[in-house]
Amino acid sequence: MDVKIEQSWKNALKDEFEKPYFASLVRFLHKEKSEGKTIYPPGPAIFRAFELTPVDKVKVVILGQDPYHGAGQAMGLSFSVPDNIQAPPSLKNIFKEIQEDLGIVMSGRPNLEKWARQGVLLLNASLTVEAGRPNSHSGIGWTEFTDAVIRYLSDNCTGIVFLLWGNYARNKKYLIDTEKHHVLEAAHPSPLARGAFFGCRHFSKTNGILVSEGKTPIDWQL
């Protein structure tokens, strides 16, 4: 199956694209669109995280659950929305933690492409969603695909920092070789976690780890 995805990822995941579950996933999306359902993000943005962060550039992985399901929000990067959209509550809390952790002022710009271009893979477990129906595509095969992404990075790279926020993300820890990589866990930044995310200091900790690995730290300021 010919999937339009950045070449290094196409090579890395070529076996996944040939598996029956992936063909079934593609058929499902075509069927939903043919029935007039609105799917987010737009087709060209589904693999945006991979386009901005090729395999050999990945230094950090931030795992989200599924794309935003409101009009104009989803852009193919976990937690990120375009600049013309107000930052969702979870992202506002991420910015608050960065300011407290690093002592820098965030502009509030909600587009996280700058992070992605520095090696932060902003990966959602599901890469599509039906408008107004959160988690509606969690059972169509995306989870199998993105689990394969995590497993590939774990097996073929070293020294990646995985940021697992909330129980859903933390349940993916079994996919990661913690002898080769670094896993930082925290509560989800959602307001529903009642502030438990605050104080995790994951951004300074991540940069400390990257420096210890001989890698350039992330400039988190937006």
C-alpha atoms as a PDB file:
ATOM      1  CA  MET A   1       0.000   0.000   0.000  1.00  0.00           C
ATOM      2  CA  ASP A   2       1.404   3.381  -1.001  1.00  0.00           C
ATOM      3  CA  VAL A   3       1.066   5.726   1.967  1.00  0.00           C
ATOM      4  CA  LYS A   4       2.135   9.368   1.707  1.00  0.00           C
ATOM      5  CA  ILE A   5       4.439   9.691   4.685  1.00  0.00           C
ATOM      6  CA  GLU A   6       7.968  11.072   5.175  1.00  0.00           C
ATOM      7  CA  GLN A   7      10.479   8.698   3.565  1.00  0.00           C
ATOM      8  CA  SER A   8      12.414   7.588   6.654  1.00  0.00           C
ATOM      9  CA  TRP A   9       9.156   6.642   8.345  1.00  0.00           C
ATOM     10  CA  LYS A  10       7.922   4.975   5.170  1.00  0.00           C
ATOM     11  CA  ASN A  11      11.000   2.776   5.250  1.00  0.00           C
ATOM     12  CA  ALA A  12      10.747   2.129   8.995  1.00  0.00           C
ATOM     13  CA  LEU A  13       7.060   1.201   8.945  1.00  0.00           C
ATOM     14  CA  LYS A  14       6.791  -0.475   5.551  1.00  0.00           C
ATOM     15  CA  ASP A  15       5.722  -3.787   7.111  1.00  0.00           C
ATOM     16  CA  GLU A  16       2.858  -2.084   8.966  1.00  0.00           C
ATOM     17  CA  PHE A  17       1.456  -0.606   5.760  1.00  0.00           C
ATOM     18  CA  GLU A  18       1.163  -4.103   4.296  1.00  0.00           C
ATOM     19  CA  LYS A  19      -0.736  -5.604   7.228  1.00  0.00           C
ATOM     20  CA  PRO A  20      -4.473  -6.318   6.979  1.00  0.00           C
ATOM     21  CA  TYR A  21      -5.360  -3.966   9.847  1.00  0.00           C
ATOM     22  CA  PHE A  22      -3.902  -0.994   7.974  1.00  0.00           C
ATOM     23  CA  ALA A  23      -5.824  -1.778   4.783  1.00  0.00           C
ATOM     24  CA  SER A  24      -8.965  -2.072   6.921  1.00  0.00           C
ATOM     25  CA  LEU A  25      -8.204   1.293   8.555  1.00  0.00           C
ATOM     26  CA  VAL A  26      -7.871   2.999   5.158  1.00  0.00           C
ATOM     27  CA  ARG A  27     -11.126   1.441   3.945  1.00  0.00           C
ATOM     28  CA  PHE A  28     -12.891   2.651   7.083  1.00  0.00           C
ATOM     29  CA  LEU A  29     -11.727   6.244   6.566  1.00  0.00           C
ATOM     30  CA  HIS A  30     -12.769   6.222   2.903  1.00  0.00           C
ATOM     31  CA  LYS A  31     -16.189   4.856   3.864  1.00  0.00           C
ATOM     32  CA  GLU A  32     -16.713   7.477   6.583  1.00  0.00           C
ATOM     33  CA  LYS A  33     -15.837  10.288   4.191  1.00  0.00           C
ATOM     34  CA  SER A  34     -18.074   8.852   1.460  1.00  0.00           C
ATOM     35  CA  GLU A  35     -20.942   8.949   3.963  1.00  0.00           C
ATOM     36  CA  GLY A  36     -20.356  12.652   4.484  1.00  0.00           C
ATOM     37  CA  LYS A  37     -18.775  12.448   7.912  1.00  0.00           C
ATOM     38  CA  THR A  38     -16.223  15.082   8.890  1.00  0.00           C
ATOM     39  CA  ILE A  39     -12.855  13.627   9.866  1.00  0.00           C
ATOM     40  CA  TYR A  40     -10.078  15.532  11.633  1.00  0.00           C
ATOM     41  CA  PRO A  41      -7.352  16.418  10.924  1.00  0.00           C
ATOM     42  CA  PRO A  42      -7.596  17.071   7.154  1.00  0.00           C
ATOM     43  CA  GLY A  43      -6.061  14.275   5.074  1.00  0.00           C
ATOM     44  CA  PRO A  44      -2.736  16.018   4.300  1.00  0.00           C
ATOM     45  CA  ALA A  45      -2.148  16.598   8.042  1.00  0.00           C
ATOM     46  CA  ILE A  46      -2.753  13.049   9.276  1.00  0.00           C
ATOM     47  CA  PHE A  47       0.966  12.203   9.169  1.00  0.00           C
ATOM     48  CA  ARG A  48       2.197  15.743   9.935  1.00  0.00           C
ATOM     49  CA  ALA A  49       4.102  14.681  13.063  1.00  0.00           C
ATOM     50  CA  PHE A  50       6.161  12.270  10.976  1.00  0.00           C
ATOM     51  CA  GLU A  51       6.788  14.859   8.270  1.00  0.00           C
ATOM     52  CA  LEU A  52       8.237  17.371  10.741  1.00  0.00           C
ATOM     53  CA  THR A  53      10.228  14.846  12.789  1.00  0.00           C
ATOM     54  CA  PRO A  54      11.986  12.179  10.691  1.00  0.00           C
ATOM     55  CA  VAL A  55      13.168   9.010  12.399  1.00  0.00           C
ATOM     56  CA  ASP A  56      16.788  10.086  12.830  1.00  0.00           C
ATOM     57  CA  LYS A  57      15.756  13.440  14.332  1.00  0.00           C
ATOM     58  CA  VAL A  58      13.580  12.067  17.155  1.00  0.00           C
ATOM     59  CA  LYS A  59      14.926  13.085  20.564  1.00  0.00           C
ATOM     60  CA  VAL A  60      11.686  13.354  22.571  1.00  0.00           C
ATOM     61  CA  VAL A  61       8.243  11.738  22.230  1.00  0.00           C
ATOM     62  CA  ILE A  62       5.131  13.380  23.715  1.00  0.00           C
ATOM     63  CA  LEU A  63       2.232  10.955  23.484  1.00  0.00           C
ATOM     64  CA  GLY A  64      -1.342  12.179  23.232  1.00  0.00           C
ATOM     65  CA  GLN A  65      -4.529  10.152  22.955  1.00  0.00           C
ATOM     66  CA  ASP A  66      -6.380  11.369  19.870  1.00  0.00           C
ATOM     67  CA  PRO A  67      -6.768  14.535  17.776  1.00  0.00           C
ATOM     68  CA  TYR A  68      -8.906  17.462  18.868  1.00  0.00           C
ATOM     69  CA  HIS A  69     -12.431  16.952  17.556  1.00  0.00           C
ATOM     70  CA  GLY A  70     -13.478  20.598  17.115  1.00  0.00           C
ATOM     71  CA  ALA A  71     -13.444  22.521  13.838  1.00  0.00           C
ATOM     72  CA  GLY A  72     -10.025  23.845  12.865  1.00  0.00           C
ATOM     73  CA  GLN A  73      -8.183  22.457  15.882  1.00  0.00           C
ATOM     74  CA  ALA A  74      -6.481  19.217  14.827  1.00  0.00           C
ATOM     75  CA  MET A  75      -3.248  19.648  12.869  1.00  0.00           C
ATOM     76  CA  GLY A  76      -1.599  16.241  13.154  1.00  0.00           C
ATOM     77  CA  LEU A  77       0.525  17.069  16.210  1.00  0.00           C
ATOM     78  CA  SER A  78      -0.433  16.005  19.730  1.00  0.00           C
ATOM     79  CA  PHE A  79      -1.573  18.899  21.968  1.00  0.00           C
ATOM     80  CA  SER A  80      -0.972  21.468  19.173  1.00  0.00           C
ATOM     81  CA  VAL A  81      -3.509  23.700  17.430  1.00  0.00           C
ATOM     82  CA  PRO A  82      -3.011  26.326  14.695  1.00  0.00           C
ATOM     83  CA  ASP A  83      -2.129  29.872  15.686  1.00  0.00           C
ATOM     84  CA  ASN A  84      -5.615  31.194  14.899  1.00  0.00           C
ATOM     85  CA  ILE A  85      -7.190  28.807  17.451  1.00  0.00           C
ATOM     86  CA  GLN A  86      -7.254  29.427  21.200  1.00  0.00           C
ATOM     87  CA  ALA A  87      -4.977  27.112  23.179  1.00  0.00           C
ATOM     88  CA  PRO A  88      -7.013  24.250  24.702  1.00  0.00           C
ATOM     89  CA  PRO A  89      -6.942  23.868  28.521  1.00  0.00           C
ATOM     90  CA  SER A  90      -4.337  21.065  28.561  1.00  0.00           C
ATOM     91  CA  LEU A  91      -1.961  23.100  26.417  1.00  0.00           C
ATOM     92  CA  LYS A  92      -2.414  26.149  28.641  1.00  0.00           C
ATOM     93  CA  ASN A  93      -1.363  23.997  31.592  1.00  0.00           C
ATOM     94  CA  ILE A  94       1.666  22.724  29.677  1.00  0.00           C
ATOM     95  CA  PHE A  95       2.695  26.330  29.087  1.00  0.00           C
ATOM     96  CA  LYS A  96       2.205  27.168  32.777  1.00  0.00           C
ATOM     97  CA  GLU A  97       4.477  24.295  33.770  1.00  0.00           C
ATOM     98  CA  ILE A  98       7.146  25.360  31.266  1.00  0.00           C
ATOM     99  CA  GLN A  99       7.099  28.895  32.672  1.00  0.00           C
ATOM    100  CA  GLU A 100       7.426  27.644  36.248  1.00  0.00           C
ATOM    101  CA  ASP A 101       9.995  24.985  35.378  1.00  0.00           C
ATOM    102  CA  LEU A 102      12.278  27.009  33.115  1.00  0.00           C
ATOM    103  CA  GLY A 103      11.538  30.565  34.228  1.00  0.00           C
ATOM    104  CA  ILE A 104      10.668  31.678  30.717  1.00  0.00           C
ATOM    105  CA  VAL A 105       7.659  33.582  29.414  1.00  0.00           C
ATOM    106  CA  MET A 106       5.492  31.771  26.870  1.00  0.00           C
ATOM    107  CA  SER A 107       3.685  33.809  24.231  1.00  0.00           C
ATOM    108  CA  GLY A 108       0.630  31.572  24.358  1.00  0.00           C
ATOM    109  CA  ARG A 109       1.047  30.637  20.691  1.00  0.00           C
ATOM    110  CA  PRO A 110      -0.508  27.168  20.490  1.00  0.00           C
ATOM    111  CA  ASN A 111       1.269  25.907  17.355  1.00  0.00           C
ATOM    112  CA  LEU A 112       3.955  23.444  18.466  1.00  0.00           C
ATOM    113  CA  GLU A 113       5.665  22.977  15.092  1.00  0.00           C
ATOM    114  CA  LYS A 114       8.800  24.635  16.500  1.00  0.00           C
ATOM    115  CA  TRP A 115       9.138  21.744  18.965  1.00  0.00           C
ATOM    116  CA  ALA A 116       8.523  19.149  16.244  1.00  0.00           C
ATOM    117  CA  ARG A 117      11.244  20.610  14.034  1.00  0.00           C
ATOM    118  CA  GLN A 118      13.711  20.258  16.921  1.00  0.00           C
ATOM    119  CA  GLY A 119      13.074  16.548  17.350  1.00  0.00           C
ATOM    120  CA  VAL A 120       9.958  16.351  19.524  1.00  0.00           C
ATOM    121  CA  LEU A 121       7.663  13.726  18.004  1.00  0.00           C
ATOM    122  CA  LEU A 122       4.153  14.908  18.890  1.00  0.00           C
ATOM    123  CA  LEU A 123       2.383  11.586  18.488  1.00  0.00           C
ATOM    124  CA  ASN A 124      -1.270  10.848  19.092  1.00  0.00           C
ATOM    125  CA  ALA A 125      -2.218   7.209  19.687  1.00  0.00           C
ATOM    126  CA  SER A 126      -5.042   7.662  17.162  1.00  0.00           C
ATOM    127  CA  LEU A 127      -4.291   9.819  14.144  1.00  0.00           C
ATOM    128  CA  THR A 128      -7.878  10.657  13.170  1.00  0.00           C
ATOM    129  CA  VAL A 129     -11.202  11.372  14.857  1.00  0.00           C
ATOM    130  CA  GLU A 130     -14.793  12.071  13.785  1.00  0.00           C
ATOM    131  CA  ALA A 131     -15.942  15.640  14.373  1.00  0.00           C
ATOM    132  CA  GLY A 132     -17.503  16.058  17.802  1.00  0.00           C
ATOM    133  CA  ARG A 133     -16.822  12.456  18.851  1.00  0.00           C
ATOM    134  CA  PRO A 134     -13.685  12.108  20.982  1.00  0.00           C
ATOM    135  CA  ASN A 135     -11.941   8.709  20.775  1.00  0.00           C
ATOM    136  CA  SER A 136     -14.282   7.665  17.956  1.00  0.00           C
ATOM    137  CA  HIS A 137     -11.386   6.173  15.944  1.00  0.00           C
ATOM    138  CA  SER A 138      -9.552   4.526  18.822  1.00  0.00           C
ATOM    139  CA  GLY A 139     -10.672   1.068  17.720  1.00  0.00           C
ATOM    140  CA  ILE A 140     -10.054   1.188  13.962  1.00  0.00           C
ATOM    141  CA  GLY A 141      -6.367   0.203  13.941  1.00  0.00           C
ATOM    142  CA  TRP A 142      -4.495   3.394  14.715  1.00  0.00           C
ATOM    143  CA  THR A 143      -3.427   2.143  18.125  1.00  0.00           C
ATOM    144  CA  GLU A 144      -1.762  -0.875  16.562  1.00  0.00           C
ATOM    145  CA  PHE A 145       0.037   1.427  14.133  1.00  0.00           C
ATOM    146  CA  THR A 146       1.257   3.946  16.704  1.00  0.00           C
ATOM    147  CA  ASP A 147       2.293   1.168  19.086  1.00  0.00           C
ATOM    148  CA  ALA A 148       4.487  -0.054  16.219  1.00  0.00           C
ATOM    149  CA  VAL A 149       5.943   3.466  15.927  1.00  0.00           C
ATOM    150  CA  ILE A 150       6.897   3.474  19.615  1.00  0.00           C
ATOM    151  CA  ARG A 151       8.291  -0.037  19.399  1.00  0.00           C
ATOM    152  CA  TYR A 152      10.366   0.847  16.330  1.00  0.00           C
ATOM    153  CA  LEU A 153      11.893   3.872  18.049  1.00  0.00           C
ATOM    154  CA  SER A 154      12.592   1.795  21.154  1.00  0.00           C
ATOM    155  CA  ASP A 155      14.288  -0.967  19.183  1.00  0.00           C
ATOM    156  CA  ASN A 156      16.236   1.109  16.665  1.00  0.00           C
ATOM    157  CA  CYS A 157      17.210   4.325  18.467  1.00  0.00           C
ATOM    158  CA  THR A 158      18.903   5.197  21.756  1.00  0.00           C
ATOM    159  CA  GLY A 159      18.538   7.893  24.378  1.00  0.00           C
ATOM    160  CA  ILE A 160      15.045   9.107  23.465  1.00  0.00           C
ATOM    161  CA  VAL A 161      13.065  10.825  26.233  1.00  0.00           C
ATOM    162  CA  PHE A 162       9.460   9.571  26.352  1.00  0.00           C
ATOM    163  CA  LEU A 163       7.039  11.881  28.178  1.00  0.00           C
ATOM    164  CA  LEU A 164       4.030   9.874  29.327  1.00  0.00           C
ATOM    165  CA  TRP A 165       1.281  12.058  30.762  1.00  0.00           C
ATOM    166  CA  GLY A 166      -1.825  10.463  32.224  1.00  0.00           C
ATOM    167  CA  ASN A 167      -2.804   6.828  32.598  1.00  0.00           C
ATOM    168  CA  TYR A 168      -3.457   6.251  28.908  1.00  0.00           C
ATOM    169  CA  ALA A 169       0.066   7.279  27.918  1.00  0.00           C
ATOM    170  CA  ARG A 170       1.660   5.599  30.914  1.00  0.00           C
ATOM    171  CA  ASN A 171       0.137   2.297  29.836  1.00  0.00           C
ATOM    172  CA  LYS A 172       2.422   2.449  26.768  1.00  0.00           C
ATOM    173  CA  LYS A 173       5.545   2.144  28.897  1.00  0.00           C
ATOM    174  CA  TYR A 174       5.745  -1.604  28.241  1.00  0.00           C
ATOM    175  CA  LEU A 175       6.603  -0.827  24.596  1.00  0.00           C
ATOM    176  CA  ILE A 176       9.775   1.038  25.594  1.00  0.00           C
ATOM    177  CA  ASP A 177      13.162  -0.472  26.446  1.00  0.00           C
ATOM    178  CA  THR A 178      14.010   1.517  29.564  1.00  0.00           C
ATOM    179  CA  GLU A 179      17.597   0.258  29.437  1.00  0.00           C
ATOM    180  CA  LYS A 180      18.110   2.259  26.230  1.00  0.00           C
ATOM    181  CA  HIS A 181      15.698   5.156  26.726  1.00  0.00           C
ATOM    182  CA  HIS A 182      14.384   7.543  29.370  1.00  0.00           C
ATOM    183  CA  VAL A 183      10.751   7.571  30.513  1.00  0.00           C
ATOM    184  CA  LEU A 184       9.284  10.474  32.479  1.00  0.00           C
ATOM    185  CA  GLU A 185       5.767   9.971  33.829  1.00  0.00           C
ATOM    186  CA  ALA A 186       3.268  12.486  35.192  1.00  0.00           C
ATOM    187  CA  ALA A 187      -0.429  13.164  35.528  1.00  0.00           C
ATOM    188  CA  HIS A 188      -2.204  14.453  32.447  1.00  0.00           C
ATOM    189  CA  PRO A 189      -2.062  18.241  31.959  1.00  0.00           C
ATOM    190  CA  SER A 190      -5.851  18.344  31.649  1.00  0.00           C
ATOM    191  CA  PRO A 191      -7.676  20.451  34.271  1.00  0.00           C
ATOM    192  CA  LEU A 192      -9.528  17.234  35.109  1.00  0.00           C
ATOM    193  CA  ALA A 193      -6.318  16.077  36.838  1.00  0.00           C
ATOM    194  CA  ARG A 194      -6.799  18.963  39.313  1.00  0.00           C
ATOM    195  CA  GLY A 195      -3.303  20.343  38.942  1.00  0.00           C
ATOM    196  CA  ALA A 196      -1.465  17.067  39.505  1.00  0.00           C
ATOM    197  CA  PHE A 197       0.630  17.742  36.391  1.00  0.00           C
ATOM    198  CA  PHE A 198       2.171  20.857  37.912  1.00  0.00           C
ATOM    199  CA  GLY A 199       5.620  20.472  39.402  1.00  0.00           C
ATOM    200  CA  CYS A 200       6.646  17.531  37.206  1.00  0.00           C
ATOM    201  CA  ARG A 201       9.494  19.652  35.768  1.00  0.00           C
ATOM    202  CA  HIS A 202       9.594  17.446  32.700  1.00  0.00           C
ATOM    203  CA  PHE A 203      10.953  20.183  30.459  1.00  0.00           C
ATOM    204  CA  SER A 204      14.096  20.909  32.461  1.00  0.00           C
ATOM    205  CA  LYS A 205      14.526  17.198  33.166  1.00  0.00           C
ATOM    206  CA  THR A 206      14.246  16.398  29.456  1.00  0.00           C
ATOM    207  CA  ASN A 207      16.892  18.959  28.566  1.00  0.00           C
ATOM    208  CA  GLY A 208      19.178  17.684  31.305  1.00  0.00           C
ATOM    209  CA  ILE A 209      18.895  14.175  29.900  1.00  0.00           C
ATOM    210  CA  LEU A 210      19.503  15.345  26.330  1.00  0.00           C
ATOM    211  CA  VAL A 211      22.633  17.218  27.372  1.00  0.00           C
ATOM    212  CA  SER A 212      23.880  14.122  29.232  1.00  0.00           C
ATOM    213  CA  GLU A 213      23.332  12.158  25.993  1.00  0.00           C
ATOM    214  CA  GLY A 214      25.406  14.700  24.055  1.00  0.00           C
ATOM    215  CA  LYS A 215      22.332  16.058  22.283  1.00  0.00           C
ATOM    216  CA  THR A 216      21.167  19.636  21.794  1.00  0.00           C
ATOM    217  CA  PRO A 217      18.459  20.550  24.343  1.00  0.00           C
ATOM    218  CA  ILE A 218      15.011  21.636  23.195  1.00  0.00           C
ATOM    219  CA  ASP A 219      14.185  25.335  23.045  1.00  0.00           C
ATOM    220  CA  TRP A 220      10.690  25.098  24.549  1.00  0.00           C
ATOM    221  CA  GLN A 221       9.923  28.817  24.317  1.00  0.00           C
ATOM    222  CA  LEU A 222       7.187  29.797  21.875  1.00  0.00           C
END
